[in-house]
Amino acid sequence: MAKSIHPFYETHRAAMEAAMRHRLDLAEAILRERAHLTDIDGIRQEVMDEFEIVLTQMPYVGGAASRMSDFFMRLIGFMAISRVLRRHGVPLSVIGDIERETYKAQLLTVSEAERLASGRQFMSSENQTLLREQAARSHQNEFSEDFVYDFVEPGPGDNFEFGIDYKACGFCKFAARHGDKEILPNICGLDFDAYAASGIHLERTQTLAGGASHCNFRFSRLPSAQDV
């Protein structure tokens, strides 16, 4: 019996598939240049087929009520890309470069004004209040495959505005369950470009994927975004 997609993700399926096709369009040149692949149409079909499998594997973590659902929907497709490229013998480091450059190009198709507005909203005091509340709720472990995290206030001498310590990571759990642990660090690397595109500086010195006890995200506004 074929596995089904959770109803919440099914409602977003068309948008996720469109984002994947756009991502593959943007990746075409670098796939030829860096991965030395020639049958790009074949790779594209393999990735979309693998993405269908990934969609059935995506854990439900609360749907629209959870901010982490959006993280899964935006980034889980890179698992499909990584799996296919690994099968074609592309080195992990090259896969990471391809994914970061492609993701950055996709992020920059959104207008600067829209990206910076999103960054200001994320850094706002209202959102920080919400993040504190969500962090406290995450420890209730309502969904076993979800993230668990703490909100971090800056101390004397700290140069960040606030932080998040992820004590458990939904992507780590996904990777462990489905045999994707070796490609997981490439997914982690996407965070820096995502925040930078919104005018946010992310400092992170350790990750769960790298064997640390937690991922230490620290956020501050990029100087170029403060006066916009």
C-alpha atoms as a PDB file:
ATOM      1  CA  MET A   1       0.000   0.000   0.000  1.00  0.00           C
ATOM      2  CA  ALA A   2       1.396   3.364  -1.041  1.00  0.00           C
ATOM      3  CA  LYS A   3       2.099   5.843   1.712  1.00  0.00           C
ATOM      4  CA  SER A   4      -0.029   8.972   1.750  1.00  0.00           C
ATOM      5  CA  ILE A   5       0.809  12.612   2.308  1.00  0.00           C
ATOM      6  CA  HIS A   6      -0.523  14.226   5.465  1.00  0.00           C
ATOM      7  CA  PRO A   7      -3.635  16.311   4.670  1.00  0.00           C
ATOM      8  CA  PHE A   8      -1.942  19.519   5.866  1.00  0.00           C
ATOM      9  CA  TYR A   9       0.932  19.074   3.430  1.00  0.00           C
ATOM     10  CA  GLU A  10      -1.444  17.956   0.696  1.00  0.00           C
ATOM     11  CA  THR A  11      -3.077  21.386   0.810  1.00  0.00           C
ATOM     12  CA  HIS A  12       0.356  22.951   0.186  1.00  0.00           C
ATOM     13  CA  ARG A  13       1.562  20.318  -2.252  1.00  0.00           C
ATOM     14  CA  ALA A  14       1.105  22.341  -5.444  1.00  0.00           C
ATOM     15  CA  ALA A  15       3.085  25.273  -4.016  1.00  0.00           C
ATOM     16  CA  MET A  16       5.879  23.011  -2.759  1.00  0.00           C
ATOM     17  CA  GLU A  17       6.141  21.250  -6.118  1.00  0.00           C
ATOM     18  CA  ALA A  18       6.216  24.593  -7.946  1.00  0.00           C
ATOM     19  CA  ALA A  19       9.025  25.772  -5.643  1.00  0.00           C
ATOM     20  CA  MET A  20      10.957  22.582  -6.368  1.00  0.00           C
ATOM     21  CA  ARG A  21      10.586  22.985 -10.138  1.00  0.00           C
ATOM     22  CA  HIS A  22      11.746  26.602  -9.844  1.00  0.00           C
ATOM     23  CA  ARG A  23      14.704  25.490  -7.730  1.00  0.00           C
ATOM     24  CA  LEU A  24      15.702  22.928 -10.350  1.00  0.00           C
ATOM     25  CA  ASP A  25      15.469  25.542 -13.111  1.00  0.00           C
ATOM     26  CA  LEU A  26      17.857  27.745 -11.155  1.00  0.00           C
ATOM     27  CA  ALA A  27      20.186  24.797 -10.511  1.00  0.00           C
ATOM     28  CA  GLU A  28      20.554  23.720 -14.140  1.00  0.00           C
ATOM     29  CA  ALA A  29      23.754  25.607 -14.969  1.00  0.00           C
ATOM     30  CA  ILE A  30      25.553  24.726 -11.746  1.00  0.00           C
ATOM     31  CA  LEU A  31      24.547  21.070 -12.074  1.00  0.00           C
ATOM     32  CA  ARG A  32      26.325  21.011 -15.401  1.00  0.00           C
ATOM     33  CA  GLU A  33      29.359  22.989 -14.236  1.00  0.00           C
ATOM     34  CA  ARG A  34      29.971  21.659 -10.730  1.00  0.00           C
ATOM     35  CA  ALA A  35      28.368  18.205 -10.723  1.00  0.00           C
ATOM     36  CA  HIS A  36      29.321  17.478 -14.360  1.00  0.00           C
ATOM     37  CA  LEU A  37      25.852  16.112 -15.077  1.00  0.00           C
ATOM     38  CA  THR A  38      24.557  16.212 -18.633  1.00  0.00           C
ATOM     39  CA  ASP A  39      21.114  14.616 -18.528  1.00  0.00           C
ATOM     40  CA  ILE A  40      19.519  17.495 -16.641  1.00  0.00           C
ATOM     41  CA  ASP A  41      15.987  16.525 -17.696  1.00  0.00           C
ATOM     42  CA  GLY A  42      16.584  13.058 -16.269  1.00  0.00           C
ATOM     43  CA  ILE A  43      17.950  14.497 -13.024  1.00  0.00           C
ATOM     44  CA  ARG A  44      14.983  16.830 -12.801  1.00  0.00           C
ATOM     45  CA  GLN A  45      12.559  13.907 -13.108  1.00  0.00           C
ATOM     46  CA  GLU A  46      14.509  11.827 -10.570  1.00  0.00           C
ATOM     47  CA  VAL A  47      14.411  14.677  -8.060  1.00  0.00           C
ATOM     48  CA  MET A  48      10.685  15.262  -8.504  1.00  0.00           C
ATOM     49  CA  ASP A  49      10.043  11.519  -8.117  1.00  0.00           C
ATOM     50  CA  GLU A  50      12.155  11.481  -4.952  1.00  0.00           C
ATOM     51  CA  PHE A  51      10.331  14.559  -3.712  1.00  0.00           C
ATOM     52  CA  GLU A  52       7.064  12.623  -3.931  1.00  0.00           C
ATOM     53  CA  ILE A  53       8.602  10.081  -1.569  1.00  0.00           C
ATOM     54  CA  VAL A  54       9.862  12.801   0.774  1.00  0.00           C
ATOM     55  CA  LEU A  55       6.377  14.307   0.930  1.00  0.00           C
ATOM     56  CA  THR A  56       5.005  11.032   2.306  1.00  0.00           C
ATOM     57  CA  GLN A  57       7.793  10.991   4.906  1.00  0.00           C
ATOM     58  CA  MET A  58       7.302  14.546   6.194  1.00  0.00           C
ATOM     59  CA  PRO A  59       6.270  14.508   9.860  1.00  0.00           C
ATOM     60  CA  TYR A  60       3.262  16.489  10.982  1.00  0.00           C
ATOM     61  CA  VAL A  61       4.285  18.945  13.700  1.00  0.00           C
ATOM     62  CA  GLY A  62       1.118  20.986  14.194  1.00  0.00           C
ATOM     63  CA  GLY A  63       0.372  22.473  10.790  1.00  0.00           C
ATOM     64  CA  ALA A  64      -0.386  26.168  10.636  1.00  0.00           C
ATOM     65  CA  ALA A  65      -0.177  26.438  14.441  1.00  0.00           C
ATOM     66  CA  SER A  66       3.547  25.606  14.384  1.00  0.00           C
ATOM     67  CA  ARG A  67       6.255  27.860  12.921  1.00  0.00           C
ATOM     68  CA  MET A  68       8.323  24.748  12.258  1.00  0.00           C
ATOM     69  CA  SER A  69       5.865  23.447   9.653  1.00  0.00           C
ATOM     70  CA  ASP A  70       7.047  26.237   7.366  1.00  0.00           C
ATOM     71  CA  PHE A  71      10.678  25.192   7.892  1.00  0.00           C
ATOM     72  CA  PHE A  72       9.842  21.671   6.782  1.00  0.00           C
ATOM     73  CA  MET A  73       7.887  22.840   3.742  1.00  0.00           C
ATOM     74  CA  ARG A  74      10.637  25.230   2.596  1.00  0.00           C
ATOM     75  CA  LEU A  75      13.657  23.006   3.155  1.00  0.00           C
ATOM     76  CA  ILE A  76      12.686  19.336   3.063  1.00  0.00           C
ATOM     77  CA  GLY A  77      12.931  19.302  -0.729  1.00  0.00           C
ATOM     78  CA  PHE A  78      16.690  19.591  -0.417  1.00  0.00           C
ATOM     79  CA  MET A  79      16.641  16.076   1.013  1.00  0.00           C
ATOM     80  CA  ALA A  80      15.309  14.879  -2.338  1.00  0.00           C
ATOM     81  CA  ILE A  81      17.975  16.795  -4.264  1.00  0.00           C
ATOM     82  CA  SER A  82      20.722  15.461  -1.997  1.00  0.00           C
ATOM     83  CA  ARG A  83      19.557  11.859  -2.290  1.00  0.00           C
ATOM     84  CA  VAL A  84      19.516  11.968  -6.077  1.00  0.00           C
ATOM     85  CA  LEU A  85      22.880  13.697  -6.412  1.00  0.00           C
ATOM     86  CA  ARG A  86      24.466  11.237  -3.974  1.00  0.00           C
ATOM     87  CA  ARG A  87      23.175   8.363  -6.121  1.00  0.00           C
ATOM     88  CA  HIS A  88      24.949   9.973  -9.054  1.00  0.00           C
ATOM     89  CA  GLY A  89      28.225  10.108  -7.129  1.00  0.00           C
ATOM     90  CA  VAL A  90      28.337  13.855  -6.530  1.00  0.00           C
ATOM     91  CA  PRO A  91      30.563  14.638  -3.489  1.00  0.00           C
ATOM     92  CA  LEU A  92      28.815  15.963  -0.398  1.00  0.00           C
ATOM     93  CA  SER A  93      30.753  19.227  -0.476  1.00  0.00           C
ATOM     94  CA  VAL A  94      29.692  19.883  -4.053  1.00  0.00           C
ATOM     95  CA  ILE A  95      26.080  19.060  -3.194  1.00  0.00           C
ATOM     96  CA  GLY A  96      26.267  21.613  -0.383  1.00  0.00           C
ATOM     97  CA  ASP A  97      27.605  24.289  -2.736  1.00  0.00           C
ATOM     98  CA  ILE A  98      24.926  23.553  -5.331  1.00  0.00           C
ATOM     99  CA  GLU A  99      22.145  23.710  -2.785  1.00  0.00           C
ATOM    100  CA  ARG A 100      23.329  26.919  -1.127  1.00  0.00           C
ATOM    101  CA  GLU A 101      23.871  28.755  -4.395  1.00  0.00           C
ATOM    102  CA  THR A 102      20.526  27.581  -5.746  1.00  0.00           C
ATOM    103  CA  TYR A 103      18.673  28.465  -2.563  1.00  0.00           C
ATOM    104  CA  LYS A 104      20.274  31.904  -2.442  1.00  0.00           C
ATOM    105  CA  ALA A 105      19.269  32.538  -6.047  1.00  0.00           C
ATOM    106  CA  GLN A 106      15.721  31.478  -5.244  1.00  0.00           C
ATOM    107  CA  LEU A 107      15.564  33.719  -2.177  1.00  0.00           C
ATOM    108  CA  LEU A 108      16.762  36.693  -4.208  1.00  0.00           C
ATOM    109  CA  THR A 109      13.887  36.339  -6.671  1.00  0.00           C
ATOM    110  CA  VAL A 110      11.779  37.923  -3.916  1.00  0.00           C
ATOM    111  CA  SER A 111      12.026  41.719  -3.868  1.00  0.00           C
ATOM    112  CA  GLU A 112      14.478  43.273  -1.424  1.00  0.00           C
ATOM    113  CA  ALA A 113      11.700  45.298   0.184  1.00  0.00           C
ATOM    114  CA  GLU A 114       9.679  42.165   0.884  1.00  0.00           C
ATOM    115  CA  ARG A 115      12.680  40.254   2.214  1.00  0.00           C
ATOM    116  CA  LEU A 116      13.754  43.056   4.541  1.00  0.00           C
ATOM    117  CA  ALA A 117      10.191  43.546   5.782  1.00  0.00           C
ATOM    118  CA  SER A 118      10.124  39.854   6.681  1.00  0.00           C
ATOM    119  CA  GLY A 119      13.414  40.264   8.531  1.00  0.00           C
ATOM    120  CA  ARG A 120      12.141  43.259  10.508  1.00  0.00           C
ATOM    121  CA  GLN A 121       9.067  41.288  11.487  1.00  0.00           C
ATOM    122  CA  PHE A 122      11.215  38.372  12.657  1.00  0.00           C
ATOM    123  CA  MET A 123      13.405  40.648  14.771  1.00  0.00           C
ATOM    124  CA  SER A 124      10.476  42.643  16.191  1.00  0.00           C
ATOM    125  CA  SER A 125       9.646  42.688  19.887  1.00  0.00           C
ATOM    126  CA  GLU A 126       6.219  41.231  19.060  1.00  0.00           C
ATOM    127  CA  ASN A 127       7.780  38.231  17.344  1.00  0.00           C
ATOM    128  CA  GLN A 128      10.269  37.760  20.153  1.00  0.00           C
ATOM    129  CA  THR A 129       7.357  37.550  22.579  1.00  0.00           C
ATOM    130  CA  LEU A 130       5.753  34.932  20.353  1.00  0.00           C
ATOM    131  CA  LEU A 131       9.005  32.987  20.100  1.00  0.00           C
ATOM    132  CA  ARG A 132       9.306  32.893  23.896  1.00  0.00           C
ATOM    133  CA  GLU A 133       5.810  31.423  24.115  1.00  0.00           C
ATOM    134  CA  GLN A 134       6.448  28.904  21.332  1.00  0.00           C
ATOM    135  CA  ALA A 135       9.753  27.855  22.875  1.00  0.00           C
ATOM    136  CA  ALA A 136       8.026  27.102  26.164  1.00  0.00           C
ATOM    137  CA  ARG A 137       5.339  25.075  24.358  1.00  0.00           C
ATOM    138  CA  SER A 138       7.915  23.117  22.383  1.00  0.00           C
ATOM    139  CA  HIS A 139       9.029  21.385  25.578  1.00  0.00           C
ATOM    140  CA  GLN A 140       5.606  19.780  25.910  1.00  0.00           C
ATOM    141  CA  ASN A 141       6.659  17.391  23.108  1.00  0.00           C
ATOM    142  CA  GLU A 142       3.177  17.311  21.604  1.00  0.00           C
ATOM    143  CA  PHE A 143       4.639  15.963  18.349  1.00  0.00           C
ATOM    144  CA  SER A 144       7.517  13.522  18.652  1.00  0.00           C
ATOM    145  CA  GLU A 145       9.184  14.594  15.386  1.00  0.00           C
ATOM    146  CA  ASP A 146       9.064  18.314  16.198  1.00  0.00           C
ATOM    147  CA  PHE A 147      11.773  20.747  17.276  1.00  0.00           C
ATOM    148  CA  VAL A 148      12.409  21.562  20.947  1.00  0.00           C
ATOM    149  CA  TYR A 149      14.060  24.872  21.730  1.00  0.00           C
ATOM    150  CA  ASP A 150      14.751  27.630  24.246  1.00  0.00           C
ATOM    151  CA  PHE A 151      14.580  31.375  23.732  1.00  0.00           C
ATOM    152  CA  VAL A 152      17.891  33.030  24.704  1.00  0.00           C
ATOM    153  CA  GLU A 153      18.096  36.552  26.108  1.00  0.00           C
ATOM    154  CA  PRO A 154      21.364  38.456  25.553  1.00  0.00           C
ATOM    155  CA  GLY A 155      23.558  38.963  28.593  1.00  0.00           C
ATOM    156  CA  PRO A 156      25.992  41.754  29.454  1.00  0.00           C
ATOM    157  CA  GLY A 157      28.541  42.114  26.685  1.00  0.00           C
ATOM    158  CA  ASP A 158      26.611  40.038  24.161  1.00  0.00           C
ATOM    159  CA  ASN A 159      26.336  41.539  20.696  1.00  0.00           C
ATOM    160  CA  PHE A 160      23.194  39.710  19.563  1.00  0.00           C
ATOM    161  CA  GLU A 161      19.563  40.770  19.995  1.00  0.00           C
ATOM    162  CA  PHE A 162      18.196  37.348  20.899  1.00  0.00           C
ATOM    163  CA  GLY A 163      18.945  33.711  20.334  1.00  0.00           C
ATOM    164  CA  ILE A 164      17.391  30.285  20.041  1.00  0.00           C
ATOM    165  CA  ASP A 165      18.976  27.089  21.331  1.00  0.00           C
ATOM    166  CA  TYR A 166      17.542  24.087  19.528  1.00  0.00           C
ATOM    167  CA  LYS A 167      17.722  21.114  21.886  1.00  0.00           C
ATOM    168  CA  ALA A 168      16.042  18.739  19.429  1.00  0.00           C
ATOM    169  CA  CYS A 169      15.815  19.164  15.660  1.00  0.00           C
ATOM    170  CA  GLY A 170      13.064  17.875  13.407  1.00  0.00           C
ATOM    171  CA  PHE A 171      15.487  17.585  10.494  1.00  0.00           C
ATOM    172  CA  CYS A 172      17.906  15.527  12.595  1.00  0.00           C
ATOM    173  CA  LYS A 173      15.072  13.191  13.555  1.00  0.00           C
ATOM    174  CA  PHE A 174      13.980  12.950   9.923  1.00  0.00           C
ATOM    175  CA  ALA A 175      17.518  12.225   8.736  1.00  0.00           C
ATOM    176  CA  ALA A 176      18.074   9.557  11.376  1.00  0.00           C
ATOM    177  CA  ARG A 177      14.781   7.869  10.505  1.00  0.00           C
ATOM    178  CA  HIS A 178      15.344   7.826   6.746  1.00  0.00           C
ATOM    179  CA  GLY A 179      19.095   7.350   6.391  1.00  0.00           C
ATOM    180  CA  ASP A 180      19.952  10.925   5.457  1.00  0.00           C
ATOM    181  CA  LYS A 181      22.396  11.788   8.250  1.00  0.00           C
ATOM    182  CA  GLU A 182      25.382  12.317   5.945  1.00  0.00           C
ATOM    183  CA  ILE A 183      23.534  14.956   3.903  1.00  0.00           C
ATOM    184  CA  LEU A 184      22.058  16.735   6.915  1.00  0.00           C
ATOM    185  CA  PRO A 185      24.896  19.290   7.421  1.00  0.00           C
ATOM    186  CA  ASN A 186      24.182  20.694   3.951  1.00  0.00           C
ATOM    187  CA  ILE A 187      20.617  21.450   5.042  1.00  0.00           C
ATOM    188  CA  CYS A 188      21.965  23.228   8.127  1.00  0.00           C
ATOM    189  CA  GLY A 189      24.162  25.393   5.917  1.00  0.00           C
ATOM    190  CA  LEU A 190      21.138  26.914   4.193  1.00  0.00           C
ATOM    191  CA  ASP A 191      20.198  28.862   7.329  1.00  0.00           C
ATOM    192  CA  PHE A 192      22.899  31.487   6.873  1.00  0.00           C
ATOM    193  CA  ASP A 193      21.733  32.505   3.396  1.00  0.00           C
ATOM    194  CA  ALA A 194      18.075  32.470   4.400  1.00  0.00           C
ATOM    195  CA  TYR A 195      18.578  34.919   7.256  1.00  0.00           C
ATOM    196  CA  ALA A 196      21.077  37.092   5.374  1.00  0.00           C
ATOM    197  CA  ALA A 197      18.588  37.554   2.538  1.00  0.00           C
ATOM    198  CA  SER A 198      16.209  39.083   5.086  1.00  0.00           C
ATOM    199  CA  GLY A 199      18.812  41.458   6.540  1.00  0.00           C
ATOM    200  CA  ILE A 200      19.627  39.277   9.544  1.00  0.00           C
ATOM    201  CA  HIS A 201      23.067  38.160  10.707  1.00  0.00           C
ATOM    202  CA  LEU A 202      23.087  34.612  12.032  1.00  0.00           C
ATOM    203  CA  GLU A 203      25.938  33.495  14.236  1.00  0.00           C
ATOM    204  CA  ARG A 204      26.063  29.788  14.994  1.00  0.00           C
ATOM    205  CA  THR A 205      29.088  27.904  16.230  1.00  0.00           C
ATOM    206  CA  GLN A 206      27.663  24.421  16.778  1.00  0.00           C
ATOM    207  CA  THR A 207      24.852  22.146  15.633  1.00  0.00           C
ATOM    208  CA  LEU A 208      23.116  18.989  16.726  1.00  0.00           C
ATOM    209  CA  ALA A 209      23.959  17.541  13.314  1.00  0.00           C
ATOM    210  CA  GLY A 210      27.617  18.137  14.108  1.00  0.00           C
ATOM    211  CA  GLY A 211      27.363  16.269  17.403  1.00  0.00           C
ATOM    212  CA  ALA A 212      26.803  19.211  19.783  1.00  0.00           C
ATOM    213  CA  SER A 213      24.249  19.239  22.586  1.00  0.00           C
ATOM    214  CA  HIS A 214      22.260  21.979  20.837  1.00  0.00           C
ATOM    215  CA  CYS A 215      22.282  24.401  17.905  1.00  0.00           C
ATOM    216  CA  ASN A 216      23.113  27.905  19.138  1.00  0.00           C
ATOM    217  CA  PHE A 217      21.403  30.412  16.846  1.00  0.00           C
ATOM    218  CA  ARG A 218      22.186  34.069  17.629  1.00  0.00           C
ATOM    219  CA  PHE A 219      20.461  36.835  15.699  1.00  0.00           C
ATOM    220  CA  SER A 220      21.279  40.485  15.035  1.00  0.00           C
ATOM    221  CA  ARG A 221      20.408  42.943  12.288  1.00  0.00           C
ATOM    222  CA  LEU A 222      22.857  43.412   9.445  1.00  0.00           C
ATOM    223  CA  PRO A 223      24.068  47.042   9.263  1.00  0.00           C
ATOM    224  CA  SER A 224      22.881  47.290   5.655  1.00  0.00           C
ATOM    225  CA  ALA A 225      19.317  46.479   6.742  1.00  0.00           C
ATOM    226  CA  GLN A 226      19.050  48.774   9.773  1.00  0.00           C
ATOM    227  CA  ASP A 227      18.524  51.982   7.814  1.00  0.00           C
ATOM    228  CA  VAL A 228      16.132  50.582   5.203  1.00  0.00           C
END
